[in-house]
Amino acid sequence: MIPAHSQSIALGDLLTRNQIIADMQAGNRWEAIDELLGNLVAVGALRAEHREATAAAVRKRESTMSTGIGFGIALPHASTEFTSTVVGVLGRSRKRISFESLDGQPVSLVLLLLVPQGQFQQHLHTVASVARMLHKEAFRRMLEQAADADAMLHIIRNQPPIRA
């Protein structure tokens, strides 16, 4: 987690090993969002009683336009009153997930981000900076081919920080 007021973000500061799912089981974007939210509850980054309201916020955002941004990446996200810091969870699907992406291709990497409500600028900076990092083909390929969550986190933490 990083402070809500920060304008710079390193993806490695957002994730712990336990916030990476190396082999997602979801078959579609809605299941993927639920699986990722379940992880945030399991690691204590989201309280169980806030899961449904948070899921509704993410689904509402996703319903306006898919966050499948192309290149096998999806960045579902929402602002929520239930977090005081930016929180994230990364999932990798080896079988790829239909996400109604902009390029029509299924996704292998899904990064769910929750940003504190009222932090619109932070929300934009966070989503944009993470998208820039994931658009780097070599970085994406390393994540897709990593052996497990530990290897994925090592790859992420060894990337230079993104400046928002």
Protein backbone atom coordinates (compact mmCIF):
# COMPACT_ATOMS: atom_id res chain seq x y z
CA MET A 1 0.00 0.00 0.00
CA ILE A 2 1.13 3.55 -0.66
CA PRO A 3 -0.06 6.82 0.81
CA ALA A 4 -3.08 8.30 -0.98
CA HIS A 5 -1.34 11.65 -1.43
CA SER A 6 1.71 10.25 -3.24
CA GLN A 7 2.08 11.24 -6.89
CA SER A 8 4.77 8.66 -7.72
CA ILE A 9 4.16 4.96 -7.73
CA ALA A 10 6.21 1.85 -8.04
CA LEU A 11 4.09 -1.21 -8.72
CA GLY A 12 6.32 -3.12 -6.31
CA ASP A 13 5.23 -0.80 -3.48
CA LEU A 14 1.60 -1.63 -4.18
CA LEU A 15 1.89 -5.41 -4.06
CA THR A 16 3.06 -8.04 -1.62
CA ARG A 17 3.69 -11.67 -2.54
CA ASN A 18 0.26 -12.48 -1.10
CA GLN A 19 -1.37 -9.91 -3.40
CA ILE A 20 -0.30 -11.81 -6.51
CA ILE A 21 -2.36 -14.72 -7.81
CA ALA A 22 -0.08 -16.60 -10.19
CA ASP A 23 -2.79 -18.94 -11.49
CA MET A 24 -6.22 -17.34 -11.52
CA GLN A 25 -9.20 -19.67 -11.86
CA ALA A 26 -11.71 -17.12 -13.20
CA GLY A 27 -13.32 -17.77 -16.56
CA ASN A 28 -14.61 -14.27 -17.28
CA ARG A 29 -14.08 -10.67 -16.19
CA TRP A 30 -16.76 -10.72 -13.48
CA GLU A 31 -15.32 -13.88 -11.91
CA ALA A 32 -11.84 -12.33 -12.17
CA ILE A 33 -12.96 -9.23 -10.28
CA ASP A 34 -14.55 -11.40 -7.58
CA GLU A 35 -11.43 -13.58 -7.31
CA LEU A 36 -9.19 -10.52 -6.94
CA LEU A 37 -11.47 -8.89 -4.36
CA GLY A 38 -11.48 -12.18 -2.45
CA ASN A 39 -7.70 -11.97 -2.31
CA LEU A 40 -7.81 -8.42 -0.90
CA VAL A 41 -10.19 -9.61 1.83
CA ALA A 42 -7.98 -12.65 2.56
CA VAL A 43 -4.84 -10.51 2.99
CA GLY A 44 -6.63 -7.91 5.12
CA ALA A 45 -6.44 -5.06 2.59
CA LEU A 46 -10.27 -4.93 2.38
CA ARG A 47 -12.68 -5.74 5.17
CA ALA A 48 -15.09 -8.58 4.41
CA GLU A 49 -18.12 -6.43 5.20
CA HIS A 50 -17.01 -3.94 2.52
CA ARG A 51 -16.48 -6.54 -0.21
CA GLU A 52 -19.93 -6.34 -1.83
CA ALA A 53 -20.07 -2.54 -1.89
CA THR A 54 -16.56 -2.44 -3.34
CA ALA A 55 -17.47 -5.10 -5.91
CA ALA A 56 -20.49 -3.03 -6.92
CA ALA A 57 -18.27 0.02 -7.46
CA VAL A 58 -15.80 -1.96 -9.59
CA ARG A 59 -18.62 -3.60 -11.59
CA LYS A 60 -20.27 -0.21 -12.16
CA ARG A 61 -16.99 1.20 -13.51
CA GLU A 62 -16.42 -1.90 -15.62
CA SER A 63 -19.95 -1.75 -17.05
CA THR A 64 -19.37 1.73 -18.48
CA MET A 65 -16.43 0.48 -20.54
CA SER A 66 -14.22 -2.57 -20.22
CA THR A 67 -10.90 -1.96 -18.52
CA GLY A 68 -9.35 -4.55 -20.82
CA ILE A 69 -6.88 -2.08 -22.34
CA GLY A 70 -5.32 -4.40 -24.89
CA PHE A 71 -2.05 -6.36 -25.03
CA GLY A 72 -3.53 -9.01 -22.71
CA ILE A 73 -3.97 -6.53 -19.83
CA ALA A 74 -7.00 -5.53 -17.77
CA LEU A 75 -6.98 -2.82 -15.10
CA PRO A 76 -10.30 -2.96 -13.26
CA HIS A 77 -10.42 -0.13 -10.75
CA ALA A 78 -12.68 2.01 -8.61
CA SER A 79 -12.69 4.76 -6.05
CA THR A 80 -13.98 3.59 -2.70
CA GLU A 81 -14.60 4.99 0.75
CA PHE A 82 -13.36 1.70 2.21
CA THR A 83 -9.65 2.31 1.76
CA SER A 84 -7.45 5.17 2.89
CA THR A 85 -4.54 4.11 0.65
CA VAL A 86 -4.19 2.79 -2.88
CA VAL A 87 -4.41 -1.02 -2.79
CA GLY A 88 -3.94 -3.51 -5.56
CA VAL A 89 -3.89 -7.18 -6.42
CA LEU A 90 -2.40 -8.75 -9.53
CA GLY A 91 -3.73 -11.91 -11.11
CA ARG A 92 -2.31 -13.96 -13.94
CA SER A 93 -4.44 -16.31 -16.00
CA ARG A 94 -2.60 -18.96 -17.95
CA LYS A 95 -5.80 -19.88 -19.82
CA ARG A 96 -6.57 -16.17 -20.51
CA ILE A 97 -9.84 -14.47 -19.63
CA SER A 98 -12.42 -12.90 -21.91
CA PHE A 99 -12.58 -9.29 -20.71
CA GLU A 100 -14.32 -7.62 -23.64
CA SER A 101 -11.03 -5.83 -24.20
CA LEU A 102 -10.61 -2.87 -26.52
CA ASP A 103 -8.56 -5.03 -28.91
CA GLY A 104 -10.95 -7.99 -28.66
CA GLN A 105 -8.23 -10.24 -27.20
CA PRO A 106 -8.45 -12.19 -23.93
CA VAL A 107 -6.26 -11.08 -21.04
CA SER A 108 -3.57 -12.86 -19.07
CA LEU A 109 -2.74 -10.10 -16.55
CA VAL A 110 -5.42 -8.44 -14.42
CA LEU A 111 -4.48 -5.74 -11.93
CA LEU A 112 -7.32 -4.60 -9.69
CA LEU A 113 -6.77 -1.18 -8.09
CA LEU A 114 -8.77 0.50 -5.35
CA VAL A 115 -8.18 4.20 -4.73
CA PRO A 116 -9.56 6.25 -1.83
CA GLN A 117 -12.73 8.14 -2.70
CA GLY A 118 -12.15 11.83 -3.33
CA GLN A 119 -8.64 11.18 -4.65
CA PHE A 120 -9.50 11.59 -8.34
CA GLN A 121 -6.06 12.87 -9.36
CA GLN A 122 -4.37 10.01 -7.50
CA HIS A 123 -6.77 7.59 -9.16
CA LEU A 124 -5.82 8.85 -12.64
CA HIS A 125 -2.08 8.91 -11.86
CA THR A 126 -2.16 5.40 -10.45
CA VAL A 127 -4.07 3.81 -13.33
CA ALA A 128 -2.04 5.67 -15.98
CA SER A 129 1.36 4.86 -14.47
CA VAL A 130 0.57 1.17 -14.03
CA ALA A 131 -0.79 1.01 -17.59
CA ARG A 132 2.48 2.51 -18.87
CA MET A 133 4.51 -0.14 -17.07
CA LEU A 134 2.33 -3.01 -18.28
CA HIS A 135 2.48 -1.75 -21.85
CA LYS A 136 6.20 -2.64 -21.90
CA GLU A 137 6.20 -5.90 -23.85
CA ALA A 138 9.34 -7.34 -22.25
CA PHE A 139 7.98 -6.68 -18.76
CA ARG A 140 4.61 -8.28 -19.63
CA ARG A 141 6.28 -11.36 -21.11
CA MET A 142 8.45 -11.83 -18.01
CA LEU A 143 5.35 -11.71 -15.79
CA GLU A 144 3.46 -14.11 -18.05
CA GLN A 145 6.37 -16.60 -18.00
CA ALA A 146 7.36 -16.30 -14.32
CA ALA A 147 7.28 -19.55 -12.37
CA ASP A 148 5.16 -18.31 -9.46
CA ALA A 149 4.05 -15.31 -7.40
CA ASP A 150 7.48 -14.93 -5.79
CA ALA A 151 9.12 -14.72 -9.21
CA MET A 152 6.46 -12.27 -10.41
CA LEU A 153 7.06 -10.01 -7.40
CA HIS A 154 10.83 -10.17 -7.98
CA ILE A 155 10.32 -9.04 -11.59
CA ILE A 156 8.01 -6.21 -10.49
CA ARG A 157 10.32 -4.99 -7.74
CA ASN A 158 13.30 -4.92 -10.09
CA GLN A 159 11.62 -2.53 -12.52
CA PRO A 160 12.44 1.17 -12.18
CA PRO A 161 9.70 3.19 -10.44
CA ILE A 162 7.10 4.84 -12.61
CA ARG A 163 6.77 8.58 -12.29
CA ALA A 164 3.17 9.71 -12.47
